């Protein structure tokens, strides 16, 4: 545009705005990842009701799910309390839900479960998407790792969301995990945090 090679048009400006917004999100994500890995994010650790957190996460992603015909559900028993930063836990679950909605076939269910496992509460987001190979499971939380680079790029993924989830869980004395029985079997993404 500056050199006069391309004439400005509504489409050109729309494309530039979209690309600028994408780059802004990427930079903000990288900053958040760095701060989380360096344990420099302020956290408000408190006793948090697990069922309320799951319901909040489901509510935030219901419009995206509905647009694809996906049913979001939550199966979290009452009285289950976790020690966490509520907003950061919702961010982790939100990342899992966004990926599940993005990669699951239209009309498939996506569910959040939670249970006590020893001294931890484990949340799990279960989808019926493409599943993961053992190599993919081992690498999926690495920064910039994409299971299918061309597909992820087309769908807007930056490859840092799961790395941020891992760093946030670690900062709250928890851990993340991905499980799948292989391609075509769906996936389960979990985060375990200390009991409240």
C-alpha atoms as a PDB file:
ATOM      1  CA  UNK A   1       0.000   0.000   0.000  1.00  0.00           C
ATOM      2  CA  UNK A   2       2.763   2.420   0.968  1.00  0.00           C
ATOM      3  CA  UNK A   3       4.658   1.823  -2.296  1.00  0.00           C
ATOM      4  CA  UNK A   4       1.504   2.035  -4.396  1.00  0.00           C
ATOM      5  CA  UNK A   5       1.763  -1.603  -5.515  1.00  0.00           C
ATOM      6  CA  UNK A   6      -1.640  -2.430  -4.067  1.00  0.00           C
ATOM      7  CA  UNK A   7      -4.574  -0.043  -4.179  1.00  0.00           C
ATOM      8  CA  UNK A   8      -6.395   0.401  -0.856  1.00  0.00           C
ATOM      9  CA  UNK A   9      -9.834  -1.190  -0.703  1.00  0.00           C
ATOM     10  CA  UNK A  10     -12.280  -2.281   1.968  1.00  0.00           C
ATOM     11  CA  UNK A  11     -11.011  -5.870   1.612  1.00  0.00           C
ATOM     12  CA  UNK A  12      -7.389  -4.769   2.013  1.00  0.00           C
ATOM     13  CA  UNK A  13      -8.138  -2.786   5.162  1.00  0.00           C
ATOM     14  CA  UNK A  14     -10.193  -5.679   6.578  1.00  0.00           C
ATOM     15  CA  UNK A  15      -7.304  -8.083   5.921  1.00  0.00           C
ATOM     16  CA  UNK A  16      -4.793  -5.716   7.557  1.00  0.00           C
ATOM     17  CA  UNK A  17      -7.009  -5.283  10.628  1.00  0.00           C
ATOM     18  CA  UNK A  18      -7.427  -9.047  10.930  1.00  0.00           C
ATOM     19  CA  UNK A  19      -3.695  -9.732  10.603  1.00  0.00           C
ATOM     20  CA  UNK A  20      -2.851  -6.968  13.076  1.00  0.00           C
ATOM     21  CA  UNK A  21      -5.297  -8.438  15.590  1.00  0.00           C
ATOM     22  CA  UNK A  22      -3.814 -11.928  15.067  1.00  0.00           C
ATOM     23  CA  UNK A  23      -0.273 -10.649  15.655  1.00  0.00           C
ATOM     24  CA  UNK A  24      -1.419  -8.741  18.741  1.00  0.00           C
ATOM     25  CA  UNK A  25      -2.982 -11.928  20.178  1.00  0.00           C
ATOM     26  CA  UNK A  26       0.212 -13.861  19.446  1.00  0.00           C
ATOM     27  CA  UNK A  27       2.432 -11.283  21.169  1.00  0.00           C
ATOM     28  CA  UNK A  28       0.094 -11.119  24.172  1.00  0.00           C
ATOM     29  CA  UNK A  29       0.063 -14.925  24.367  1.00  0.00           C
ATOM     30  CA  UNK A  30       3.864 -15.088  24.258  1.00  0.00           C
ATOM     31  CA  UNK A  31       4.110 -12.473  27.011  1.00  0.00           C
ATOM     32  CA  UNK A  32       1.660 -14.411  29.156  1.00  0.00           C
ATOM     33  CA  UNK A  33       3.526 -17.669  28.515  1.00  0.00           C
ATOM     34  CA  UNK A  34       6.853 -16.100  29.491  1.00  0.00           C
ATOM     35  CA  UNK A  35       5.393 -14.592  32.683  1.00  0.00           C
ATOM     36  CA  UNK A  36       3.698 -17.875  33.630  1.00  0.00           C
ATOM     37  CA  UNK A  37       6.849 -19.934  33.019  1.00  0.00           C
ATOM     38  CA  UNK A  38       8.899 -17.417  35.018  1.00  0.00           C
ATOM     39  CA  UNK A  39       6.223 -17.527  37.770  1.00  0.00           C
ATOM     40  CA  UNK A  40       5.744 -13.791  37.458  1.00  0.00           C
ATOM     41  CA  UNK A  41       1.979 -13.814  37.001  1.00  0.00           C
ATOM     42  CA  UNK A  42       0.076 -12.573  40.041  1.00  0.00           C
ATOM     43  CA  UNK A  43      -2.108 -15.413  41.303  1.00  0.00           C
ATOM     44  CA  UNK A  44      -5.034 -15.218  43.723  1.00  0.00           C
ATOM     45  CA  UNK A  45      -4.941 -18.719  45.191  1.00  0.00           C
ATOM     46  CA  UNK A  46      -8.045 -19.573  47.204  1.00  0.00           C
ATOM     47  CA  UNK A  47     -10.469 -22.407  47.875  1.00  0.00           C
ATOM     48  CA  UNK A  48     -12.602 -22.656  44.724  1.00  0.00           C
ATOM     49  CA  UNK A  49     -15.801 -24.626  44.164  1.00  0.00           C
ATOM     50  CA  UNK A  50     -15.056 -27.047  41.317  1.00  0.00           C
ATOM     51  CA  UNK A  51     -18.646 -27.321  40.056  1.00  0.00           C
ATOM     52  CA  UNK A  52     -19.032 -23.521  39.888  1.00  0.00           C
ATOM     53  CA  UNK A  53     -15.781 -23.185  37.905  1.00  0.00           C
ATOM     54  CA  UNK A  54     -16.852 -25.895  35.453  1.00  0.00           C
ATOM     55  CA  UNK A  55     -20.289 -24.300  35.019  1.00  0.00           C
ATOM     56  CA  UNK A  56     -18.689 -20.902  34.384  1.00  0.00           C
ATOM     57  CA  UNK A  57     -16.303 -22.345  31.773  1.00  0.00           C
ATOM     58  CA  UNK A  58     -19.164 -24.158  30.016  1.00  0.00           C
ATOM     59  CA  UNK A  59     -21.262 -20.978  30.035  1.00  0.00           C
ATOM     60  CA  UNK A  60     -18.492 -18.942  28.439  1.00  0.00           C
ATOM     61  CA  UNK A  61     -18.078 -21.393  25.561  1.00  0.00           C
ATOM     62  CA  UNK A  62     -21.734 -22.316  25.013  1.00  0.00           C
ATOM     63  CA  UNK A  63     -22.236 -19.845  22.124  1.00  0.00           C
ATOM     64  CA  UNK A  64     -19.234 -21.241  20.188  1.00  0.00           C
ATOM     65  CA  UNK A  65     -20.409 -24.797  20.819  1.00  0.00           C
ATOM     66  CA  UNK A  66     -23.990 -24.040  19.806  1.00  0.00           C
ATOM     67  CA  UNK A  67     -22.765 -22.514  16.540  1.00  0.00           C
ATOM     68  CA  UNK A  68     -21.235 -25.903  15.650  1.00  0.00           C
ATOM     69  CA  UNK A  69     -24.080 -28.013  17.038  1.00  0.00           C
ATOM     70  CA  UNK A  70     -21.849 -29.242  19.865  1.00  0.00           C
ATOM     71  CA  UNK A  71     -23.409 -29.966  23.253  1.00  0.00           C
ATOM     72  CA  UNK A  72     -21.297 -28.870  26.214  1.00  0.00           C
ATOM     73  CA  UNK A  73     -21.865 -30.691  29.480  1.00  0.00           C
ATOM     74  CA  UNK A  74     -20.490 -30.682  32.991  1.00  0.00           C
ATOM     75  CA  UNK A  75     -20.353 -33.614  35.389  1.00  0.00           C
ATOM     76  CA  UNK A  76     -18.737 -32.238  38.533  1.00  0.00           C
ATOM     77  CA  UNK A  77     -19.933 -33.363  41.961  1.00  0.00           C
ATOM     78  CA  UNK A  78     -20.947 -30.736  44.488  1.00  0.00           C
ATOM     79  CA  UNK A  79     -18.689 -30.113  47.454  1.00  0.00           C
ATOM     80  CA  UNK A  80     -15.470 -30.648  45.502  1.00  0.00           C
ATOM     81  CA  UNK A  81     -13.057 -27.832  46.388  1.00  0.00           C
ATOM     82  CA  UNK A  82      -9.736 -27.029  44.724  1.00  0.00           C
ATOM     83  CA  UNK A  83      -6.948 -24.582  45.670  1.00  0.00           C
ATOM     84  CA  UNK A  84      -6.440 -22.430  42.606  1.00  0.00           C
ATOM     85  CA  UNK A  85      -6.645 -19.007  41.057  1.00  0.00           C
ATOM     86  CA  UNK A  86     -10.243 -19.200  39.812  1.00  0.00           C
ATOM     87  CA  UNK A  87      -9.663 -17.064  36.708  1.00  0.00           C
ATOM     88  CA  UNK A  88      -6.531 -18.969  35.702  1.00  0.00           C
ATOM     89  CA  UNK A  89      -8.256 -22.323  36.185  1.00  0.00           C
ATOM     90  CA  UNK A  90     -11.096 -21.121  33.953  1.00  0.00           C
ATOM     91  CA  UNK A  91      -8.447 -20.011  31.449  1.00  0.00           C
ATOM     92  CA  UNK A  92      -6.978 -23.538  31.370  1.00  0.00           C
ATOM     93  CA  UNK A  93     -10.403 -25.164  31.015  1.00  0.00           C
ATOM     94  CA  UNK A  94     -11.336 -22.554  28.419  1.00  0.00           C
ATOM     95  CA  UNK A  95      -8.279 -23.437  26.359  1.00  0.00           C
ATOM     96  CA  UNK A  96      -9.237 -27.109  26.480  1.00  0.00           C
ATOM     97  CA  UNK A  97     -12.859 -26.325  25.580  1.00  0.00           C
ATOM     98  CA  UNK A  98     -11.890 -24.017  22.699  1.00  0.00           C
ATOM     99  CA  UNK A  99      -9.672 -26.744  21.213  1.00  0.00           C
ATOM    100  CA  UNK A 100     -12.334 -29.423  21.728  1.00  0.00           C
ATOM    101  CA  UNK A 101     -14.958 -27.278  20.005  1.00  0.00           C
ATOM    102  CA  UNK A 102     -12.554 -26.385  17.194  1.00  0.00           C
ATOM    103  CA  UNK A 103     -11.474 -29.959  16.422  1.00  0.00           C
ATOM    104  CA  UNK A 104     -14.530 -32.068  17.283  1.00  0.00           C
ATOM    105  CA  UNK A 105     -16.896 -33.022  14.490  1.00  0.00           C
ATOM    106  CA  UNK A 106     -20.039 -30.970  14.208  1.00  0.00           C
ATOM    107  CA  UNK A 107     -22.727 -32.213  16.573  1.00  0.00           C
ATOM    108  CA  UNK A 108     -20.366 -34.114  18.900  1.00  0.00           C
ATOM    109  CA  UNK A 109     -20.604 -33.726  22.694  1.00  0.00           C
ATOM    110  CA  UNK A 110     -17.822 -32.171  24.789  1.00  0.00           C
ATOM    111  CA  UNK A 111     -17.880 -32.677  28.560  1.00  0.00           C
ATOM    112  CA  UNK A 112     -16.032 -31.476  31.659  1.00  0.00           C
ATOM    113  CA  UNK A 113     -15.607 -33.988  34.461  1.00  0.00           C
ATOM    114  CA  UNK A 114     -13.900 -33.555  37.821  1.00  0.00           C
ATOM    115  CA  UNK A 115     -12.969 -35.951  40.583  1.00  0.00           C
ATOM    116  CA  UNK A 116     -10.705 -36.181  43.576  1.00  0.00           C
ATOM    117  CA  UNK A 117      -7.497 -38.134  42.970  1.00  0.00           C
ATOM    118  CA  UNK A 118      -5.435 -38.412  46.155  1.00  0.00           C
ATOM    119  CA  UNK A 119      -4.554 -34.898  47.315  1.00  0.00           C
ATOM    120  CA  UNK A 120      -5.652 -33.319  44.035  1.00  0.00           C
ATOM    121  CA  UNK A 121      -8.790 -32.425  42.118  1.00  0.00           C
ATOM    122  CA  UNK A 122      -8.522 -33.447  38.477  1.00  0.00           C
ATOM    123  CA  UNK A 123     -10.605 -31.679  35.835  1.00  0.00           C
ATOM    124  CA  UNK A 124     -10.903 -33.399  32.460  1.00  0.00           C
ATOM    125  CA  UNK A 125     -12.303 -32.089  29.174  1.00  0.00           C
ATOM    126  CA  UNK A 126     -13.395 -35.029  27.026  1.00  0.00           C
ATOM    127  CA  UNK A 127     -13.986 -34.649  23.283  1.00  0.00           C
ATOM    128  CA  UNK A 128     -14.759 -36.885  20.319  1.00  0.00           C
ATOM    129  CA  UNK A 129     -12.286 -35.222  17.958  1.00  0.00           C
ATOM    130  CA  UNK A 130      -9.436 -36.680  15.908  1.00  0.00           C
ATOM    131  CA  UNK A 131      -7.530 -38.170  18.863  1.00  0.00           C
ATOM    132  CA  UNK A 132      -3.771 -38.215  19.391  1.00  0.00           C
ATOM    133  CA  UNK A 133      -0.893 -40.543  18.598  1.00  0.00           C
ATOM    134  CA  UNK A 134       1.574 -41.365  21.426  1.00  0.00           C
ATOM    135  CA  UNK A 135       4.076 -38.877  19.930  1.00  0.00           C
ATOM    136  CA  UNK A 136       1.434 -36.154  19.763  1.00  0.00           C
ATOM    137  CA  UNK A 137       0.417 -36.800  23.379  1.00  0.00           C
ATOM    138  CA  UNK A 138       4.051 -36.429  24.446  1.00  0.00           C
ATOM    139  CA  UNK A 139       4.514 -33.120  22.619  1.00  0.00           C
ATOM    140  CA  UNK A 140       1.109 -31.420  22.619  1.00  0.00           C
ATOM    141  CA  UNK A 141       1.953 -29.095  25.557  1.00  0.00           C
ATOM    142  CA  UNK A 142       5.166 -27.832  23.935  1.00  0.00           C
ATOM    143  CA  UNK A 143       5.119 -24.229  22.758  1.00  0.00           C
ATOM    144  CA  UNK A 144       4.393 -23.826  19.029  1.00  0.00           C
ATOM    145  CA  UNK A 145       3.681 -27.547  18.596  1.00  0.00           C
ATOM    146  CA  UNK A 146       0.796 -28.190  16.219  1.00  0.00           C
ATOM    147  CA  UNK A 147      -0.667 -31.591  15.529  1.00  0.00           C
ATOM    148  CA  UNK A 148      -1.568 -30.586  11.977  1.00  0.00           C
ATOM    149  CA  UNK A 149       0.226 -27.311  11.180  1.00  0.00           C
ATOM    150  CA  UNK A 150      -1.757 -26.448   8.068  1.00  0.00           C
ATOM    151  CA  UNK A 151      -5.121 -27.200   9.683  1.00  0.00           C
ATOM    152  CA  UNK A 152      -4.273 -25.371  12.914  1.00  0.00           C
ATOM    153  CA  UNK A 153      -3.127 -22.295  11.007  1.00  0.00           C
ATOM    154  CA  UNK A 154      -6.321 -22.267   8.962  1.00  0.00           C
ATOM    155  CA  UNK A 155      -8.347 -22.475  12.173  1.00  0.00           C
ATOM    156  CA  UNK A 156      -6.352 -19.692  13.837  1.00  0.00           C
ATOM    157  CA  UNK A 157      -4.329 -21.669  16.378  1.00  0.00           C
ATOM    158  CA  UNK A 158      -1.011 -20.168  17.468  1.00  0.00           C
ATOM    159  CA  UNK A 159       0.467 -23.271  19.073  1.00  0.00           C
ATOM    160  CA  UNK A 160       0.941 -21.663  22.502  1.00  0.00           C
ATOM    161  CA  UNK A 161      -2.414 -22.133  24.255  1.00  0.00           C
ATOM    162  CA  UNK A 162      -1.589 -25.552  25.713  1.00  0.00           C
ATOM    163  CA  UNK A 163       1.897 -24.376  26.702  1.00  0.00           C
ATOM    164  CA  UNK A 164       0.246 -21.535  28.629  1.00  0.00           C
ATOM    165  CA  UNK A 165      -2.133 -24.044  30.266  1.00  0.00           C
ATOM    166  CA  UNK A 166       0.834 -26.161  31.388  1.00  0.00           C
ATOM    167  CA  UNK A 167       2.701 -23.130  32.762  1.00  0.00           C
ATOM    168  CA  UNK A 168      -0.375 -21.875  34.631  1.00  0.00           C
ATOM    169  CA  UNK A 169      -1.019 -25.308  36.166  1.00  0.00           C
ATOM    170  CA  UNK A 170       2.615 -25.538  37.258  1.00  0.00           C
ATOM    171  CA  UNK A 171       2.445 -22.044  38.809  1.00  0.00           C
ATOM    172  CA  UNK A 172      -0.537 -23.283  40.875  1.00  0.00           C
ATOM    173  CA  UNK A 173       1.366 -26.444  41.973  1.00  0.00           C
ATOM    174  CA  UNK A 174      -0.537 -28.643  39.553  1.00  0.00           C
ATOM    175  CA  UNK A 175       0.063 -30.478  36.311  1.00  0.00           C
ATOM    176  CA  UNK A 176      -1.588 -31.155  32.955  1.00  0.00           C
ATOM    177  CA  UNK A 177      -1.981 -34.311  30.888  1.00  0.00           C
ATOM    178  CA  UNK A 178      -3.365 -35.397  27.522  1.00  0.00           C
ATOM    179  CA  UNK A 179      -4.835 -38.864  26.975  1.00  0.00           C
ATOM    180  CA  UNK A 180      -6.121 -40.587  23.864  1.00  0.00           C
ATOM    181  CA  UNK A 181      -6.447 -44.155  22.632  1.00  0.00           C
ATOM    182  CA  UNK A 182      -5.155 -43.028  19.241  1.00  0.00           C
ATOM    183  CA  UNK A 183      -6.336 -41.364  16.039  1.00  0.00           C
ATOM    184  CA  UNK A 184     -10.096 -41.267  15.641  1.00  0.00           C
ATOM    185  CA  UNK A 185     -10.823 -41.958  19.334  1.00  0.00           C
ATOM    186  CA  UNK A 186     -11.125 -38.455  20.782  1.00  0.00           C
ATOM    187  CA  UNK A 187      -8.973 -36.920  23.498  1.00  0.00           C
ATOM    188  CA  UNK A 188      -9.082 -36.068  27.173  1.00  0.00           C
ATOM    189  CA  UNK A 189      -7.157 -33.028  28.420  1.00  0.00           C
ATOM    190  CA  UNK A 190      -6.748 -32.861  32.189  1.00  0.00           C
ATOM    191  CA  UNK A 191      -5.481 -30.469  34.826  1.00  0.00           C
ATOM    192  CA  UNK A 192      -4.871 -31.599  38.404  1.00  0.00           C
ATOM    193  CA  UNK A 193      -4.570 -29.048  41.212  1.00  0.00           C
ATOM    194  CA  UNK A 194      -4.321 -29.393  45.005  1.00  0.00           C
ATOM    195  CA  UNK A 195      -7.462 -30.088  47.013  1.00  0.00           C
ATOM    196  CA  UNK A 196      -8.822 -26.935  48.698  1.00  0.00           C
END
